[in-house]
Amino acid sequence: MSGITAVYVVFAIVIASIFGYVFLLSRRQREVELELDDLQARLAEKGKGR
């Protein structure tokens, strides 16, 4: 494998890793948003019960 080919391979691996990490972060953020919505709904219900 020539030097430039190795650079392209490493570059592709880095880019794929970055996209994978961003995907995982977006999924975790969505889970946190859903949990926050649930907690806000519970607080609203608790406030109405008084």
C-alpha atoms as a PDB file:
ATOM      1  CA  MET A   1       0.000   0.000   0.000  1.00  0.00           C
ATOM      2  CA  SER A   2       1.458   3.340  -1.003  1.00  0.00           C
ATOM      3  CA  GLY A   3       1.663   6.275   1.367  1.00  0.00           C
ATOM      4  CA  ILE A   4      -1.190   8.226  -0.196  1.00  0.00           C
ATOM      5  CA  THR A   5      -3.461   5.172  -0.121  1.00  0.00           C
ATOM      6  CA  ALA A   6      -2.794   4.761   3.584  1.00  0.00           C
ATOM      7  CA  VAL A   7      -3.684   8.414   4.133  1.00  0.00           C
ATOM      8  CA  TYR A   8      -7.000   7.944   2.319  1.00  0.00           C
ATOM      9  CA  VAL A   9      -7.787   4.798   4.296  1.00  0.00           C
ATOM     10  CA  VAL A  10      -7.058   6.519   7.614  1.00  0.00           C
ATOM     11  CA  PHE A  11      -9.057   9.563   6.512  1.00  0.00           C
ATOM     12  CA  ALA A  12     -12.044   7.361   5.634  1.00  0.00           C
ATOM     13  CA  ILE A  13     -11.845   5.605   9.000  1.00  0.00           C
ATOM     14  CA  VAL A  14     -11.709   8.916  10.860  1.00  0.00           C
ATOM     15  CA  ILE A  15     -14.661  10.341   8.930  1.00  0.00           C
ATOM     16  CA  ALA A  16     -16.711   7.168   9.494  1.00  0.00           C
ATOM     17  CA  SER A  17     -15.873   7.295  13.205  1.00  0.00           C
ATOM     18  CA  ILE A  18     -16.936  10.926  13.466  1.00  0.00           C
ATOM     19  CA  PHE A  19     -20.258  10.216  11.733  1.00  0.00           C
ATOM     20  CA  GLY A  20     -20.852   7.216  13.991  1.00  0.00           C
ATOM     21  CA  TYR A  21     -20.132   9.278  17.106  1.00  0.00           C
ATOM     22  CA  VAL A  22     -22.448  12.074  15.956  1.00  0.00           C
ATOM     23  CA  PHE A  23     -25.175   9.509  15.281  1.00  0.00           C
ATOM     24  CA  LEU A  24     -24.831   8.058  18.783  1.00  0.00           C
ATOM     25  CA  LEU A  25     -24.894  11.516  20.339  1.00  0.00           C
ATOM     26  CA  SER A  26     -28.042  12.467  18.441  1.00  0.00           C
ATOM     27  CA  ARG A  27     -29.745   9.266  19.573  1.00  0.00           C
ATOM     28  CA  ARG A  28     -28.809   9.892  23.202  1.00  0.00           C
ATOM     29  CA  GLN A  29     -29.992  13.490  22.942  1.00  0.00           C
ATOM     30  CA  ARG A  30     -33.362  12.319  21.637  1.00  0.00           C
ATOM     31  CA  GLU A  31     -33.685   9.895  24.570  1.00  0.00           C
ATOM     32  CA  VAL A  32     -32.930  12.708  27.026  1.00  0.00           C
ATOM     33  CA  GLU A  33     -35.473  14.971  25.313  1.00  0.00           C
ATOM     34  CA  LEU A  34     -38.138  12.277  25.596  1.00  0.00           C
ATOM     35  CA  GLU A  35     -37.354  11.771  29.287  1.00  0.00           C
ATOM     36  CA  LEU A  36     -37.480  15.527  29.870  1.00  0.00           C
ATOM     37  CA  ASP A  37     -40.886  15.717  28.170  1.00  0.00           C
ATOM     38  CA  ASP A  38     -42.101  12.892  30.396  1.00  0.00           C
ATOM     39  CA  LEU A  39     -40.839  14.634  33.528  1.00  0.00           C
ATOM     40  CA  GLN A  40     -42.460  17.909  32.491  1.00  0.00           C
ATOM     41  CA  ALA A  41     -45.769  16.114  31.958  1.00  0.00           C
ATOM     42  CA  ARG A  42     -45.496  14.486  35.393  1.00  0.00           C
ATOM     43  CA  LEU A  43     -44.809  17.842  37.016  1.00  0.00           C
ATOM     44  CA  ALA A  44     -47.781  19.377  35.229  1.00  0.00           C
ATOM     45  CA  GLU A  45     -50.017  16.552  36.452  1.00  0.00           C
ATOM     46  CA  LYS A  46     -48.688  16.878  39.978  1.00  0.00           C
ATOM     47  CA  GLY A  47     -49.349  20.629  39.905  1.00  0.00           C
ATOM     48  CA  LYS A  48     -52.954  20.080  38.798  1.00  0.00           C
ATOM     49  CA  GLY A  49     -53.567  17.644  41.618  1.00  0.00           C
ATOM     50  CA  ARG A  50     -53.108  20.269  44.334  1.00  0.00           C
END
